[in-house]
């Protein structure tokens, strides 16, 4: 386990993502995402699935899609 939250642990019913680099943003119903990807998908993996960005994983000019309002646990 890598410490990442699973989709089932995401707070709230809407999952919001945004990318300040390209300006894309959107929200998705958590239940629909669970039906499509499974409740145990890790949030970093889900972010990649949703974004489908050519920049994902690149060191330079990387994708900057983030979950809106989700802050890491201290």
PDB file of N, CA and C in Angstrom:
ATOM      1  N   UNK A   1       0.850  -1.176   0.000  1.00  0.00           N
ATOM      2  CA  UNK A   1       0.000   0.000   0.000  1.00  0.00           C
ATOM      3  C   UNK A   1       0.892   1.234   0.000  1.00  0.00           C
ATOM      4  N   UNK A   2       0.533   2.244  -0.768  1.00  0.00           N
ATOM      5  CA  UNK A   2       1.386   3.421  -0.884  1.00  0.00           C
ATOM      6  C   UNK A   2       0.873   4.626  -0.107  1.00  0.00           C
ATOM      7  N   UNK A   3      -0.166   4.481   0.676  1.00  0.00           N
ATOM      8  CA  UNK A   3      -0.681   5.581   1.473  1.00  0.00           C
ATOM      9  C   UNK A   3      -1.690   6.461   0.765  1.00  0.00           C
ATOM     10  N   UNK A   4      -1.956   6.220  -0.504  1.00  0.00           N
ATOM     11  CA  UNK A   4      -2.928   7.016  -1.241  1.00  0.00           C
ATOM     12  C   UNK A   4      -4.343   6.608  -0.870  1.00  0.00           C
ATOM     13  N   UNK A   5      -5.231   7.586  -0.855  1.00  0.00           N
ATOM     14  CA  UNK A   5      -6.637   7.288  -0.609  1.00  0.00           C
ATOM     15  C   UNK A   5      -7.230   6.500  -1.766  1.00  0.00           C
ATOM     16  N   UNK A   6      -8.210   5.692  -1.432  1.00  0.00           N
ATOM     17  CA  UNK A   6      -8.990   5.007  -2.453  1.00  0.00           C
ATOM     18  C   UNK A   6     -10.214   5.866  -2.759  1.00  0.00           C
ATOM     19  N   UNK A   7     -10.813   5.642  -3.902  1.00  0.00           N
ATOM     20  CA  UNK A   7     -12.001   6.383  -4.293  1.00  0.00           C
ATOM     21  C   UNK A   7     -13.093   6.286  -3.234  1.00  0.00           C
ATOM     22  N   UNK A   8     -13.270   5.123  -2.636  1.00  0.00           N
ATOM     23  CA  UNK A   8     -14.297   4.945  -1.606  1.00  0.00           C
ATOM     24  C   UNK A   8     -14.073   5.863  -0.411  1.00  0.00           C
ATOM     25  N   UNK A   9     -12.843   6.306  -0.196  1.00  0.00           N
ATOM     26  CA  UNK A   9     -12.505   7.167   0.935  1.00  0.00           C
ATOM     27  C   UNK A   9     -12.603   8.663   0.600  1.00  0.00           C
ATOM     28  N   UNK A  10     -12.859   8.984  -0.652  1.00  0.00           N
ATOM     29  CA  UNK A  10     -12.948  10.388  -1.054  1.00  0.00           C
ATOM     30  C   UNK A  10     -14.130  11.033  -0.339  1.00  0.00           C
ATOM     31  N   UNK A  11     -13.914  12.189   0.310  1.00  0.00           N
ATOM     32  CA  UNK A  11     -15.014  12.835   1.037  1.00  0.00           C
ATOM     33  C   UNK A  11     -16.016  13.486   0.086  1.00  0.00           C
ATOM     34  N   UNK A  12     -17.267  13.306   0.341  1.00  0.00           N
ATOM     35  CA  UNK A  12     -18.303  13.936  -0.472  1.00  0.00           C
ATOM     36  C   UNK A  12     -18.773  13.071  -1.617  1.00  0.00           C
ATOM     37  N   UNK A  13     -19.814  13.541  -2.281  1.00  0.00           N
ATOM     38  CA  UNK A  13     -20.439  12.799  -3.375  1.00  0.00           C
ATOM     39  C   UNK A  13     -19.943  13.224  -4.749  1.00  0.00           C
ATOM     40  N   UNK A  14     -19.313  14.400  -4.843  1.00  0.00           N
ATOM     41  CA  UNK A  14     -18.768  14.891  -6.103  1.00  0.00           C
ATOM     42  C   UNK A  14     -17.253  14.924  -6.029  1.00  0.00           C
ATOM     43  N   UNK A  15     -16.620  14.404  -7.069  1.00  0.00           N
ATOM     44  CA  UNK A  15     -15.165  14.423  -7.186  1.00  0.00           C
ATOM     45  C   UNK A  15     -14.832  15.550  -8.159  1.00  0.00           C
ATOM     46  N   UNK A  16     -14.075  16.538  -7.689  1.00  0.00           N
ATOM     47  CA  UNK A  16     -13.752  17.703  -8.516  1.00  0.00           C
ATOM     48  C   UNK A  16     -12.265  17.695  -8.863  1.00  0.00           C
ATOM     49  N   UNK A  17     -11.975  17.957 -10.139  1.00  0.00           N
ATOM     50  CA  UNK A  17     -10.599  18.052 -10.611  1.00  0.00           C
ATOM     51  C   UNK A  17     -10.428  19.323 -11.417  1.00  0.00           C
ATOM     52  N   UNK A  18      -9.198  19.823 -11.431  1.00  0.00           N
ATOM     53  CA  UNK A  18      -8.895  21.025 -12.191  1.00  0.00           C
ATOM     54  C   UNK A  18      -7.419  21.018 -12.557  1.00  0.00           C
ATOM     55  N   UNK A  19      -7.101  21.617 -13.706  1.00  0.00           N
ATOM     56  CA  UNK A  19      -5.710  21.758 -14.134  1.00  0.00           C
ATOM     57  C   UNK A  19      -5.446  23.229 -14.406  1.00  0.00           C
ATOM     58  N   UNK A  20      -4.563  23.833 -13.610  1.00  0.00           N
ATOM     59  CA  UNK A  20      -4.266  25.250 -13.817  1.00  0.00           C
ATOM     60  C   UNK A  20      -3.438  25.481 -15.076  1.00  0.00           C
ATOM     61  N   UNK A  21      -2.765  24.444 -15.562  1.00  0.00           N
ATOM     62  CA  UNK A  21      -1.933  24.591 -16.754  1.00  0.00           C
ATOM     63  C   UNK A  21      -2.777  24.720 -18.023  1.00  0.00           C
ATOM     64  N   UNK A  22      -3.733  23.830 -18.201  1.00  0.00           N
ATOM     65  CA  UNK A  22      -4.521  23.853 -19.437  1.00  0.00           C
ATOM     66  C   UNK A  22      -5.918  24.447 -19.255  1.00  0.00           C
ATOM     67  N   UNK A  23      -6.322  24.666 -17.999  1.00  0.00           N
ATOM     68  CA  UNK A  23      -7.620  25.277 -17.741  1.00  0.00           C
ATOM     69  C   UNK A  23      -8.793  24.312 -17.707  1.00  0.00           C
ATOM     70  N   UNK A  24      -8.547  23.029 -17.915  1.00  0.00           N
ATOM     71  CA  UNK A  24      -9.640  22.052 -17.859  1.00  0.00           C
ATOM     72  C   UNK A  24     -10.080  21.862 -16.419  1.00  0.00           C
ATOM     73  N   UNK A  25     -11.369  21.644 -16.236  1.00  0.00           N
ATOM     74  CA  UNK A  25     -11.890  21.318 -14.917  1.00  0.00           C
ATOM     75  C   UNK A  25     -13.190  20.552 -15.095  1.00  0.00           C
ATOM     76  N   UNK A  26     -13.558  19.839 -14.067  1.00  0.00           N
ATOM     77  CA  UNK A  26     -14.802  19.090 -14.126  1.00  0.00           C
ATOM     78  C   UNK A  26     -15.134  18.455 -12.802  1.00  0.00           C
ATOM     79  N   UNK A  27     -16.342  17.969 -12.699  1.00  0.00           N
ATOM     80  CA  UNK A  27     -16.743  17.235 -11.507  1.00  0.00           C
ATOM     81  C   UNK A  27     -17.499  15.979 -11.941  1.00  0.00           C
ATOM     82  N   UNK A  28     -17.386  14.977 -11.111  1.00  0.00           N
ATOM     83  CA  UNK A  28     -17.925  13.654 -11.429  1.00  0.00           C
ATOM     84  C   UNK A  28     -18.622  13.100 -10.190  1.00  0.00           C
ATOM     85  N   UNK A  29     -19.708  12.417 -10.396  1.00  0.00           N
ATOM     86  CA  UNK A  29     -20.393  11.773  -9.268  1.00  0.00           C
ATOM     87  C   UNK A  29     -19.556  10.580  -8.807  1.00  0.00           C
ATOM     88  N   UNK A  30     -19.271  10.565  -7.524  1.00  0.00           N
ATOM     89  CA  UNK A  30     -18.426   9.514  -6.968  1.00  0.00           C
ATOM     90  C   UNK A  30     -19.021   8.130  -7.245  1.00  0.00           C
ATOM     91  N   UNK A  31     -20.317   7.964  -7.101  1.00  0.00           N
ATOM     92  CA  UNK A  31     -20.937   6.655  -7.312  1.00  0.00           C
ATOM     93  C   UNK A  31     -20.744   6.167  -8.751  1.00  0.00           C
ATOM     94  N   UNK A  32     -20.849   7.075  -9.725  1.00  0.00           N
ATOM     95  CA  UNK A  32     -20.637   6.686 -11.125  1.00  0.00           C
ATOM     96  C   UNK A  32     -19.183   6.271 -11.353  1.00  0.00           C
ATOM     97  N   UNK A  33     -18.243   6.980 -10.712  1.00  0.00           N
ATOM     98  CA  UNK A  33     -16.831   6.610 -10.837  1.00  0.00           C
ATOM     99  C   UNK A  33     -16.572   5.244 -10.207  1.00  0.00           C
ATOM    100  N   UNK A  34     -17.211   4.975  -9.079  1.00  0.00           N
ATOM    101  CA  UNK A  34     -17.070   3.660  -8.425  1.00  0.00           C
ATOM    102  C   UNK A  34     -17.597   2.567  -9.348  1.00  0.00           C
ATOM    103  N   UNK A  35     -18.733   2.807  -9.989  1.00  0.00           N
ATOM    104  CA  UNK A  35     -19.299   1.817 -10.908  1.00  0.00           C
ATOM    105  C   UNK A  35     -18.360   1.551 -12.084  1.00  0.00           C
ATOM    106  N   UNK A  36     -17.688   2.586 -12.544  1.00  0.00           N
ATOM    107  CA  UNK A  36     -16.810   2.446 -13.719  1.00  0.00           C
ATOM    108  C   UNK A  36     -15.424   1.903 -13.372  1.00  0.00           C
ATOM    109  N   UNK A  37     -14.819   2.407 -12.296  1.00  0.00           N
ATOM    110  CA  UNK A  37     -13.421   2.075 -11.986  1.00  0.00           C
ATOM    111  C   UNK A  37     -13.238   1.201 -10.749  1.00  0.00           C
ATOM    112  N   UNK A  38     -14.279   1.062  -9.937  1.00  0.00           N
ATOM    113  CA  UNK A  38     -14.189   0.275  -8.708  1.00  0.00           C
ATOM    114  C   UNK A  38     -13.857   1.157  -7.519  1.00  0.00           C
ATOM    115  N   UNK A  39     -14.375   0.792  -6.351  1.00  0.00           N
ATOM    116  CA  UNK A  39     -14.209   1.588  -5.137  1.00  0.00           C
ATOM    117  C   UNK A  39     -12.776   1.601  -4.632  1.00  0.00           C
ATOM    118  N   UNK A  40     -11.984   0.605  -5.040  1.00  0.00           N
ATOM    119  CA  UNK A  40     -10.622   0.487  -4.503  1.00  0.00           C
ATOM    120  C   UNK A  40      -9.552   1.147  -5.372  1.00  0.00           C
ATOM    121  N   UNK A  41      -9.939   1.816  -6.464  1.00  0.00           N
ATOM    122  CA  UNK A  41      -8.935   2.506  -7.278  1.00  0.00           C
ATOM    123  C   UNK A  41      -8.315   3.630  -6.449  1.00  0.00           C
ATOM    124  N   UNK A  42      -7.027   3.761  -6.519  1.00  0.00           N
ATOM    125  CA  UNK A  42      -6.313   4.818  -5.796  1.00  0.00           C
ATOM    126  C   UNK A  42      -6.520   6.148  -6.506  1.00  0.00           C
ATOM    127  N   UNK A  43      -6.627   7.225  -5.740  1.00  0.00           N
ATOM    128  CA  UNK A  43      -6.914   8.534  -6.329  1.00  0.00           C
ATOM    129  C   UNK A  43      -5.889   8.986  -7.365  1.00  0.00           C
ATOM    130  N   UNK A  44      -4.574   8.745  -7.172  1.00  0.00           N
ATOM    131  CA  UNK A  44      -3.645   9.116  -8.241  1.00  0.00           C
ATOM    132  C   UNK A  44      -3.906   8.366  -9.551  1.00  0.00           C
ATOM    133  N   UNK A  45      -4.287   7.099  -9.449  1.00  0.00           N
ATOM    134  CA  UNK A  45      -4.596   6.317 -10.647  1.00  0.00           C
ATOM    135  C   UNK A  45      -5.882   6.820 -11.313  1.00  0.00           C
ATOM    136  N   UNK A  46      -6.868   7.155 -10.498  1.00  0.00           N
ATOM    137  CA  UNK A  46      -8.124   7.679 -11.031  1.00  0.00           C
ATOM    138  C   UNK A  46      -7.887   9.000 -11.741  1.00  0.00           C
ATOM    139  N   UNK A  47      -7.064   9.866 -11.146  1.00  0.00           N
ATOM    140  CA  UNK A  47      -6.751  11.161 -11.752  1.00  0.00           C
ATOM    141  C   UNK A  47      -6.165  10.965 -13.145  1.00  0.00           C
ATOM    142  N   UNK A  48      -5.272  10.008 -13.297  1.00  0.00           N
ATOM    143  CA  UNK A  48      -4.683   9.733 -14.612  1.00  0.00           C
ATOM    144  C   UNK A  48      -5.725   9.210 -15.590  1.00  0.00           C
ATOM    145  N   UNK A  49      -6.606   8.340 -15.118  1.00  0.00           N
ATOM    146  CA  UNK A  49      -7.660   7.794 -15.985  1.00  0.00           C
ATOM    147  C   UNK A  49      -8.585   8.895 -16.495  1.00  0.00           C
ATOM    148  N   UNK A  50      -8.957   9.804 -15.607  1.00  0.00           N
ATOM    149  CA  UNK A  50      -9.880  10.864 -15.992  1.00  0.00           C
ATOM    150  C   UNK A  50      -9.196  11.879 -16.905  1.00  0.00           C
ATOM    151  N   UNK A  51      -7.990  12.290 -16.551  1.00  0.00           N
ATOM    152  CA  UNK A  51      -7.298  13.348 -17.297  1.00  0.00           C
ATOM    153  C   UNK A  51      -6.900  12.898 -18.696  1.00  0.00           C
ATOM    154  N   UNK A  52      -6.401  11.682 -18.813  1.00  0.00           N
ATOM    155  CA  UNK A  52      -5.926  11.192 -20.119  1.00  0.00           C
ATOM    156  C   UNK A  52      -5.079  12.253 -20.821  1.00  0.00           C
ATOM    157  N   UNK A  53      -4.136  12.816 -20.071  1.00  0.00           N
ATOM    158  CA  UNK A  53      -3.315  13.924 -20.553  1.00  0.00           C
ATOM    159  C   UNK A  53      -2.009  13.406 -21.144  1.00  0.00           C
ATOM    160  N   UNK A  54      -1.610  13.980 -22.269  1.00  0.00           N
ATOM    161  CA  UNK A  54      -0.339  13.604 -22.905  1.00  0.00           C
ATOM    162  C   UNK A  54       0.858  13.978 -22.039  1.00  0.00           C
ATOM    163  N   UNK A  55       0.673  14.915 -21.134  1.00  0.00           N
ATOM    164  CA  UNK A  55       1.761  15.363 -20.269  1.00  0.00           C
ATOM    165  C   UNK A  55       1.959  14.471 -19.039  1.00  0.00           C
ATOM    166  N   UNK A  56       1.032  13.578 -18.760  1.00  0.00           N
ATOM    167  CA  UNK A  56       1.087  12.750 -17.561  1.00  0.00           C
ATOM    168  C   UNK A  56       2.392  11.964 -17.509  1.00  0.00           C
ATOM    169  N   UNK A  57       3.085  12.085 -16.393  1.00  0.00           N
ATOM    170  CA  UNK A  57       4.318  11.336 -16.177  1.00  0.00           C
ATOM    171  C   UNK A  57       5.569  11.981 -16.744  1.00  0.00           C
ATOM    172  N   UNK A  58       5.435  13.097 -17.431  1.00  0.00           N
ATOM    173  CA  UNK A  58       6.608  13.776 -17.986  1.00  0.00           C
ATOM    174  C   UNK A  58       7.281  14.608 -16.902  1.00  0.00           C
ATOM    175  N   UNK A  59       8.595  14.644 -16.942  1.00  0.00           N
ATOM    176  CA  UNK A  59       9.343  15.431 -15.968  1.00  0.00           C
ATOM    177  C   UNK A  59       9.230  16.924 -16.270  1.00  0.00           C
ATOM    178  N   UNK A  60       9.331  17.290 -17.529  1.00  0.00           N
ATOM    179  CA  UNK A  60       9.236  18.683 -17.945  1.00  0.00           C
ATOM    180  C   UNK A  60       7.866  18.905 -18.564  1.00  0.00           C
ATOM    181  N   UNK A  61       7.244  20.031 -18.230  1.00  0.00           N
ATOM    182  CA  UNK A  61       5.920  20.352 -18.750  1.00  0.00           C
ATOM    183  C   UNK A  61       4.888  19.304 -18.344  1.00  0.00           C
ATOM    184  N   UNK A  62       4.953  18.890 -17.080  1.00  0.00           N
ATOM    185  CA  UNK A  62       4.086  17.832 -16.572  1.00  0.00           C
ATOM    186  C   UNK A  62       2.626  18.275 -16.458  1.00  0.00           C
ATOM    187  N   UNK A  63       1.742  17.312 -16.480  1.00  0.00           N
ATOM    188  CA  UNK A  63       0.322  17.546 -16.244  1.00  0.00           C
ATOM    189  C   UNK A  63       0.154  18.049 -14.809  1.00  0.00           C
ATOM    190  N   UNK A  64      -0.743  18.997 -14.610  1.00  0.00           N
ATOM    191  CA  UNK A  64      -0.949  19.560 -13.282  1.00  0.00           C
ATOM    192  C   UNK A  64      -2.365  19.349 -12.762  1.00  0.00           C
ATOM    193  N   UNK A  65      -3.047  18.331 -13.255  1.00  0.00           N
ATOM    194  CA  UNK A  65      -4.411  18.085 -12.787  1.00  0.00           C
ATOM    195  C   UNK A  65      -4.370  17.710 -11.301  1.00  0.00           C
ATOM    196  N   UNK A  66      -5.287  18.317 -10.544  1.00  0.00           N
ATOM    197  CA  UNK A  66      -5.348  18.119  -9.100  1.00  0.00           C
ATOM    198  C   UNK A  66      -6.803  17.981  -8.667  1.00  0.00           C
ATOM    199  N   UNK A  67      -6.986  17.330  -7.521  1.00  0.00           N
ATOM    200  CA  UNK A  67      -8.304  17.274  -6.904  1.00  0.00           C
ATOM    201  C   UNK A  67      -8.560  18.612  -6.221  1.00  0.00           C
ATOM    202  N   UNK A  68      -9.697  19.223  -6.496  1.00  0.00           N
ATOM    203  CA  UNK A  68     -10.053  20.508  -5.920  1.00  0.00           C
ATOM    204  C   UNK A  68     -10.544  20.297  -4.489  1.00  0.00           C
ATOM    205  N   UNK A  69      -9.948  21.020  -3.550  1.00  0.00           N
ATOM    206  CA  UNK A  69     -10.403  20.973  -2.161  1.00  0.00           C
ATOM    207  C   UNK A  69      -9.921  19.783  -1.370  1.00  0.00           C
ATOM    208  N   UNK A  70      -9.136  18.909  -1.958  1.00  0.00           N
ATOM    209  CA  UNK A  70      -8.623  17.735  -1.240  1.00  0.00           C
ATOM    210  C   UNK A  70      -7.221  18.046  -0.779  1.00  0.00           C
ATOM    211  N   UNK A  71      -7.022  18.059   0.520  1.00  0.00           N
ATOM    212  CA  UNK A  71      -5.705  18.370   1.069  1.00  0.00           C
ATOM    213  C   UNK A  71      -5.116  17.136   1.738  1.00  0.00           C
ATOM    214  N   UNK A  72      -3.805  16.983   1.667  1.00  0.00           N
ATOM    215  CA  UNK A  72      -3.170  15.818   2.298  1.00  0.00           C
ATOM    216  C   UNK A  72      -3.337  15.841   3.805  1.00  0.00           C
ATOM    217  N   UNK A  73      -3.400  14.654   4.403  1.00  0.00           N
ATOM    218  CA  UNK A  73      -3.463  14.550   5.867  1.00  0.00           C
ATOM    219  C   UNK A  73      -2.112  14.926   6.440  1.00  0.00           C
ATOM    220  N   UNK A  74      -2.145  15.643   7.537  1.00  0.00           N
ATOM    221  CA  UNK A  74      -0.905  16.061   8.197  1.00  0.00           C
ATOM    222  C   UNK A  74      -0.471  15.028   9.202  1.00  0.00           C
TER     223      UNK A  74
END
